[in-house]
Protein backbone atom coordinates (compact mmCIF):
# COMPACT_ATOMS: atom_id res chain seq x y z
CA MET A 1 -56.83 51.05 279.96
CA SER A 2 -57.70 47.40 280.75
CA ILE A 3 -58.18 44.37 278.50
CA SER A 4 -60.82 41.89 279.72
CA TYR A 5 -61.40 38.20 279.08
CA LYS A 6 -64.34 39.26 276.88
CA ASP A 7 -61.97 41.47 274.85
CA ALA A 8 -59.88 38.34 274.27
CA GLY A 9 -62.93 36.57 272.84
CA VAL A 10 -64.38 34.71 275.83
CA ASP A 11 -67.77 35.88 277.11
CA VAL A 12 -68.30 34.28 280.53
CA THR A 13 -71.88 35.54 280.68
CA ALA A 14 -72.68 33.50 277.56
CA GLY A 15 -71.28 30.49 279.40
CA TYR A 16 -73.55 31.12 282.37
CA LYS A 17 -76.57 31.40 280.07
CA ALA A 18 -75.61 28.20 278.24
CA VAL A 19 -75.42 26.26 281.52
CA GLU A 20 -78.84 27.51 282.60
CA LEU A 21 -80.34 26.48 279.25
CA MET A 22 -78.67 23.07 279.49
CA LYS A 23 -79.92 22.27 282.99
CA LYS A 24 -83.54 21.81 281.94
CA HIS A 25 -82.39 19.07 279.57
CA THR A 26 -79.83 17.33 281.77
CA LYS A 27 -82.21 16.82 284.67
CA THR A 28 -84.45 14.69 282.45
CA THR A 29 -81.65 12.08 282.36
CA PHE A 30 -81.13 11.86 286.14
CA ASP A 31 -82.07 8.77 288.13
CA ALA A 32 -82.00 8.02 291.86
CA ASN A 33 -78.27 7.25 291.70
CA VAL A 34 -77.25 10.76 290.61
CA LEU A 35 -75.99 12.75 293.58
CA GLY A 36 -75.93 16.53 293.40
CA ASP A 37 -76.46 18.76 290.40
CA LEU A 38 -74.49 20.27 287.54
CA GLY A 39 -71.86 22.78 288.57
CA SER A 40 -69.65 20.73 290.88
CA PHE A 41 -66.07 19.96 289.92
CA GLY A 42 -67.03 16.32 289.48
CA GLY A 43 -70.19 14.36 288.78
CA PHE A 44 -71.39 11.88 291.39
CA TYR A 45 -73.09 8.56 290.68
CA SER A 46 -73.79 5.94 293.35
CA ILE A 47 -73.45 2.22 292.62
CA GLU A 48 -74.28 0.97 296.11
CA ASN A 49 -77.74 -0.23 295.05
CA ALA A 50 -76.71 -1.70 291.70
CA GLY A 51 -77.26 -5.26 292.87
CA VAL A 52 -74.14 -6.50 291.07
CA LYS A 53 -72.13 -9.07 293.03
CA ASN A 54 -68.79 -8.63 291.24
CA PRO A 55 -69.02 -5.22 289.56
CA VAL A 56 -66.65 -4.30 286.75
CA LEU A 57 -66.66 -0.83 285.21
CA VAL A 58 -66.55 -0.56 281.42
CA ALA A 59 -65.67 2.78 279.81
CA GLY A 60 -65.97 4.05 276.25
CA THR A 61 -65.11 7.35 274.58
CA ASP A 62 -65.62 8.79 271.11
CA GLY A 63 -66.64 11.84 269.12
CA VAL A 64 -68.95 12.60 266.22
CA GLY A 65 -66.23 13.23 263.64
CA THR A 66 -66.76 15.15 260.43
CA LYS A 67 -70.49 14.41 260.38
CA LEU A 68 -70.54 17.68 262.31
CA ARG A 69 -69.95 19.48 259.01
CA TYR A 70 -73.47 18.59 257.88
CA ALA A 71 -74.93 19.88 261.15
CA PHE A 72 -73.18 23.19 260.45
CA ILE A 73 -74.48 23.28 256.87
CA ALA A 74 -78.06 22.52 257.94
CA ASP A 75 -77.77 24.77 261.02
CA LYS A 76 -79.38 21.86 262.87
CA HIS A 77 -77.78 21.00 266.20
CA ASP A 78 -80.39 19.09 268.22
CA THR A 79 -79.62 15.55 266.99
CA ILE A 80 -75.84 15.47 266.67
CA GLY A 81 -75.57 14.84 270.43
CA ILE A 82 -77.40 11.54 269.96
CA ASP A 83 -74.54 10.44 267.70
CA CYS A 84 -72.00 11.35 270.36
CA VAL A 85 -73.76 9.28 273.02
CA ALA A 86 -74.43 6.38 270.66
CA MET A 87 -70.81 5.98 269.65
CA CYS A 88 -69.84 5.51 273.30
CA VAL A 89 -72.73 3.58 274.85
CA ASN A 90 -73.01 1.10 271.99
CA ASP A 91 -69.35 0.19 272.58
CA VAL A 92 -69.95 -0.27 276.31
CA ALA A 93 -72.99 -2.45 275.64
CA CYS A 94 -70.87 -4.75 273.43
CA GLN A 95 -69.24 -6.05 276.62
CA GLY A 96 -72.63 -6.76 278.22
CA ALA A 97 -72.42 -3.65 280.41
CA LYS A 98 -75.24 -1.26 281.27
CA PRO A 99 -74.17 2.36 280.71
CA LEU A 100 -74.56 4.28 283.97
CA PHE A 101 -73.54 7.82 283.13
CA PHE A 102 -72.16 10.06 280.40
CA LEU A 103 -70.08 13.23 280.19
CA ASP A 104 -69.63 15.42 277.13
CA TYR A 105 -67.03 17.88 275.88
CA PHE A 106 -68.21 20.75 273.69
CA ALA A 107 -65.55 23.08 272.24
CA VAL A 108 -66.33 26.18 270.19
CA GLY A 109 -64.66 29.36 268.97
CA LYS A 110 -67.46 31.71 270.00
CA LEU A 111 -70.15 30.39 272.30
CA LYS A 112 -73.78 30.79 271.28
CA PRO A 113 -75.83 29.61 274.29
CA GLU A 114 -78.82 28.50 272.21
CA VAL A 115 -76.66 26.34 269.92
CA ALA A 116 -74.85 24.80 272.89
CA ALA A 117 -78.21 24.05 274.53
CA ASP A 118 -79.48 22.39 271.34
CA VAL A 119 -76.38 20.19 271.19
CA VAL A 120 -76.79 19.18 274.83
CA ALA A 121 -80.50 18.53 274.25
CA GLY A 122 -79.40 15.91 271.71
CA VAL A 123 -76.92 14.46 274.18
CA CYS A 124 -79.71 14.18 276.74
CA GLU A 125 -81.99 12.46 274.23
CA GLY A 126 -79.22 9.96 273.55
CA CYS A 127 -78.80 9.37 277.28
CA ARG A 128 -82.51 8.76 277.71
CA GLN A 129 -82.46 6.26 274.85
CA ALA A 130 -79.52 4.49 276.50
CA GLY A 131 -80.93 4.69 280.02
CA CYS A 132 -77.95 6.56 281.44
CA ALA A 133 -77.51 9.92 283.16
CA LEU A 134 -75.68 13.00 281.91
CA ILE A 135 -73.88 13.98 285.12
CA GLY A 136 -71.49 16.62 283.82
CA GLY A 137 -69.44 17.93 280.95
CA GLU A 138 -67.27 20.76 279.71
CA THR A 139 -68.06 23.72 277.50
CA ALA A 140 -64.84 25.26 276.21
CA GLU A 141 -64.84 28.62 274.43
CA MET A 142 -61.62 28.82 272.42
CA PRO A 143 -61.34 31.96 270.26
CA GLY A 144 -59.39 31.48 267.06
CA PHE A 145 -59.40 27.66 267.22
CA TYR A 146 -62.64 27.07 265.32
CA ALA A 147 -64.22 28.82 262.35
CA GLU A 148 -67.35 30.90 262.90
CA GLY A 149 -70.34 28.63 263.53
CA GLU A 150 -68.23 25.48 264.04
CA TYR A 151 -67.56 23.35 267.10
CA ASP A 152 -66.36 19.91 268.16
CA LEU A 153 -68.21 17.38 270.28
CA ALA A 154 -66.93 14.31 272.12
CA GLY A 155 -67.82 12.38 275.25
CA PHE A 156 -67.43 9.25 277.28
CA SER A 157 -69.62 6.76 279.08
CA VAL A 158 -69.05 4.46 282.02
CA GLY A 159 -71.06 1.28 282.43
CA MET A 160 -71.07 -1.71 284.74
CA VAL A 161 -71.30 -5.46 284.34
CA ASP A 162 -70.95 -8.45 286.65
CA ARG A 163 -67.52 -9.99 286.10
CA ARG A 164 -69.13 -13.39 285.46
CA LYS A 165 -71.32 -11.92 282.72
CA ILE A 166 -68.72 -10.03 280.70
CA ILE A 167 -69.12 -10.63 276.95
CA ASN A 168 -65.68 -10.90 275.37
CA GLY A 169 -66.03 -13.44 272.55
CA SER A 170 -63.76 -15.97 274.23
CA ASP A 171 -66.17 -18.91 273.71
CA ILE A 172 -66.92 -18.20 270.05
CA GLY A 173 -66.13 -21.17 267.84
CA ALA A 174 -66.59 -22.20 264.21
CA GLY A 175 -70.22 -22.74 263.29
CA ASP A 176 -71.74 -19.97 265.42
CA VAL A 177 -74.23 -17.59 263.82
CA LEU A 178 -73.91 -13.86 263.14
CA ILE A 179 -77.06 -11.76 263.47
CA GLY A 180 -77.02 -8.22 262.09
CA LEU A 181 -79.11 -5.39 263.51
CA ALA A 182 -80.22 -2.78 261.00
CA SER A 183 -78.57 0.63 261.24
CA SER A 184 -80.51 3.87 261.00
CA GLY A 185 -78.19 5.03 258.23
CA ILE A 186 -74.54 5.98 257.93
CA HIS A 187 -74.33 6.56 261.69
CA SER A 188 -71.14 8.52 262.49
CA ASN A 189 -68.35 6.96 260.46
CA GLY A 190 -66.85 7.41 257.03
CA PHE A 191 -68.00 11.01 256.68
CA SER A 192 -64.75 12.25 255.20
CA LEU A 193 -65.57 10.03 252.21
CA VAL A 194 -69.29 10.86 252.38
CA ARG A 195 -68.50 14.56 252.13
CA LYS A 196 -66.23 13.96 249.16
CA LEU A 197 -68.90 11.92 247.38
CA LEU A 198 -72.00 13.97 248.22
CA GLY A 199 -70.42 17.40 248.52
CA GLU A 200 -71.12 20.20 250.94
CA THR A 201 -73.34 22.59 248.99
CA LYS A 202 -76.46 23.32 251.03
CA GLU A 203 -78.64 23.89 247.96
CA ASP A 204 -77.77 20.52 246.39
CA LEU A 205 -78.00 18.59 249.65
CA ALA A 206 -81.35 20.12 250.56
CA ARG A 207 -83.08 18.85 247.39
CA PHE A 208 -85.50 15.95 247.81
CA ASP A 209 -84.04 12.70 246.50
CA GLU A 210 -86.58 10.19 245.18
CA LYS A 211 -84.28 7.24 245.77
CA LEU A 212 -83.65 8.23 249.38
CA GLY A 213 -87.22 9.27 250.12
CA ALA A 214 -85.87 12.43 251.76
CA SER A 215 -83.34 15.16 251.12
CA THR A 216 -79.70 14.09 251.13
CA LEU A 217 -79.06 16.39 254.08
CA GLU A 218 -81.85 14.82 256.15
CA THR A 219 -80.56 11.36 255.29
CA VAL A 220 -76.94 11.97 256.29
CA LEU A 221 -77.98 13.69 259.54
CA THR A 222 -80.12 10.75 260.70
CA PRO A 223 -78.78 9.99 264.21
CA THR A 224 -76.89 6.84 265.07
CA ARG A 225 -79.14 4.10 266.42
CA ILE A 226 -78.64 3.28 270.09
CA TYR A 227 -78.85 -0.46 270.77
CA VAL A 228 -78.29 -0.49 274.53
CA LYS A 229 -81.76 -1.45 275.76
CA THR A 230 -82.03 -4.08 273.03
CA VAL A 231 -78.72 -5.67 274.02
CA LEU A 232 -79.56 -5.67 277.72
CA LYS A 233 -82.90 -7.33 277.00
CA LEU A 234 -81.33 -9.89 274.68
CA ILE A 235 -78.67 -11.02 277.15
CA GLU A 236 -81.41 -11.70 279.69
CA LYS A 237 -82.96 -14.24 277.31
CA VAL A 238 -80.05 -15.63 275.27
CA SER A 239 -76.44 -16.62 275.87
CA VAL A 240 -74.74 -14.03 273.68
CA LYS A 241 -71.17 -14.98 272.76
CA GLY A 242 -69.96 -11.74 271.24
CA ILE A 243 -71.15 -8.32 270.06
CA ALA A 244 -69.48 -6.03 267.51
CA HIS A 245 -70.42 -2.38 267.05
CA ILE A 246 -69.97 -1.63 263.34
CA THR A 247 -68.21 1.72 263.27
CA GLY A 248 -65.13 2.98 261.40
CA GLY A 249 -63.61 0.06 259.51
CA GLY A 250 -67.00 -1.46 258.73
CA PHE A 251 -67.46 -5.24 258.72
CA ILE A 252 -63.84 -6.01 257.87
CA GLU A 253 -62.23 -4.47 260.93
CA ASN A 254 -64.93 -4.59 263.59
CA ILE A 255 -66.36 -8.11 263.42
CA PRO A 256 -62.97 -9.84 263.95
CA ARG A 257 -62.42 -7.81 267.14
CA ILE A 258 -64.74 -10.20 269.01
CA PHE A 259 -63.16 -13.44 267.72
CA PRO A 260 -60.59 -15.64 269.46
CA VAL A 261 -57.45 -16.68 267.57
CA SER A 262 -58.05 -18.79 264.42
CA ILE A 263 -61.71 -17.84 264.07
CA GLY A 264 -63.00 -15.83 261.13
CA ALA A 265 -66.34 -15.16 259.49
CA GLU A 266 -68.27 -15.40 256.25
CA VAL A 267 -70.85 -12.65 255.71
CA ASP A 268 -73.53 -12.95 253.04
CA ILE A 269 -74.32 -9.39 251.93
CA ASN A 270 -77.40 -10.62 250.06
CA SER A 271 -78.99 -11.69 253.35
CA TYR A 272 -80.57 -8.25 253.80
CA GLU A 273 -81.72 -5.37 251.62
CA LEU A 274 -79.03 -2.72 251.18
CA PRO A 275 -80.50 0.68 252.18
CA PRO A 276 -80.70 3.32 249.41
CA ILE A 277 -78.04 5.62 250.90
CA PHE A 278 -75.45 2.84 250.70
CA LYS A 279 -76.45 1.97 247.15
CA LEU A 280 -75.83 5.62 246.31
CA LEU A 281 -72.47 5.73 248.08
CA LYS A 282 -71.39 2.49 246.39
CA GLU A 283 -72.38 3.84 242.99
CA LEU A 284 -70.65 7.18 243.46
CA SER A 285 -67.47 5.73 244.97
CA GLY A 286 -67.00 2.83 242.54
CA LEU A 287 -65.50 0.84 245.42
CA ASP A 288 -65.56 -2.95 245.38
CA ASN A 289 -67.27 -4.87 248.17
CA GLU A 290 -64.07 -5.44 250.12
CA LYS A 291 -63.31 -1.73 250.34
CA ILE A 292 -66.79 -0.35 250.87
CA TYR A 293 -67.60 -2.90 253.59
CA ASN A 294 -64.31 -1.79 255.16
CA THR A 295 -65.54 1.82 255.28
CA PHE A 296 -69.27 2.02 256.10
CA ASN A 297 -71.68 -0.02 258.22
CA MET A 298 -73.63 -0.77 255.00
CA GLY A 299 -76.95 -0.96 256.82
CA ILE A 300 -75.84 -3.09 259.78
CA GLY A 301 -75.04 -1.20 262.97
CA MET A 302 -74.34 -4.11 265.28
CA VAL A 303 -73.46 -7.79 264.85
CA ILE A 304 -74.34 -10.34 267.51
CA CYS A 305 -72.81 -13.82 267.69
CA VAL A 306 -74.88 -16.67 269.15
CA ALA A 307 -74.92 -20.47 268.98
CA LYS A 308 -77.13 -22.05 266.29
CA SER A 309 -79.49 -23.33 268.96
CA ASP A 310 -80.16 -19.77 270.17
CA VAL A 311 -80.89 -18.13 266.82
CA GLU A 312 -84.67 -18.52 266.86
CA LEU A 313 -85.08 -17.08 270.35
CA ALA A 314 -82.59 -14.30 269.62
CA LEU A 315 -84.46 -13.21 266.48
CA LYS A 316 -87.80 -13.31 268.32
CA THR A 317 -86.43 -11.22 271.17
CA LEU A 318 -84.85 -8.69 268.82
CA GLU A 319 -88.10 -8.32 266.89
CA GLU A 320 -89.95 -7.72 270.18
CA CYS A 321 -87.43 -4.96 270.91
CA GLY A 322 -88.33 -3.25 267.64
CA GLU A 323 -85.17 -4.19 265.78
CA LYS A 324 -84.84 -5.35 262.19
CA ALA A 325 -82.56 -8.35 262.56
CA TYR A 326 -81.06 -10.67 259.94
CA VAL A 327 -78.94 -13.79 259.96
CA ILE A 328 -76.03 -12.41 257.93
CA GLY A 329 -73.32 -15.02 258.30
CA LYS A 330 -71.42 -17.54 260.34
CA THR A 331 -68.10 -18.08 262.03
CA VAL A 332 -65.50 -20.34 260.41
CA LYS A 333 -62.00 -21.58 261.09
CA GLY A 334 -59.51 -19.05 259.80
CA GLU A 335 -59.04 -15.32 260.13
CA GLY A 336 -60.75 -12.11 259.03
CA VAL A 337 -64.06 -11.56 257.29
CA LYS A 338 -64.91 -12.96 253.88
CA ILE A 339 -67.61 -11.02 252.03
CA ILE A 340 -69.90 -13.29 250.01
CA GLY A 341 -72.41 -12.06 247.45
């Protein structure tokens, strides 16, 4: 009597089917620099025609976090991959780099090829939005590690920038201007608190909410906005001093990451309209401004620092890129972020 890998909980034929379903999506992200196809031990991407004199690679990695729980509840898996890509490529773009390629890691207890393909379809959509190629990944079937119907998703991106054009915040000084780009919603951070505040009952979450203009479940599953093409267009027109991706830690932790020593910021939270979902989260949590702006993006997914003289052109360019952009504050002598309003 023999015991097979399938008897142990791993169905290799499901893996083969998943890969075949994924391929039709991944090829839509390929460009002329992708060498080979899925299935090799490594993904190949050529940089010989990049036209960058002093190339520097910039890498970023992240996952989706507990936002995945809402994808499980909704049984909707075709957008969560956008979040995974966004969390990585937005970070890479903060340094002025163009994301070149992406790889994902999908881990599940029992593999359902159609679900895996839906997840990867979302990853591919994120890659198309960012202008990068999905050149590989890993699908891991791990019996007993995940509950039925659950999985984890993470990935990483590699981008490239000319050494002379790296954006690192080193020339930011007091009196520069902070421009906020509107988020598409909660993005992919703070969901442990979101779940505690909004709950996880499908029936309650699926109800239409007048204040939100949609069901709560639809609202929380809105994918993270990808700002890559906007940033690349902006840095062609304007001398951008620093860029902060507003993720976990909100305004309080992320904005200071781009500042040199002895530079802080004042942010006027009345400079833009707070989206309904954040009004709801603020009401339910009872948190003061300091704490809630240290948890969520509060409607601003990215903050860009420019000189006063460049504000008008920056706002014009951002509008042309389809962004909602607001002057939300300024840099000052000191440390940290002061919330005003």
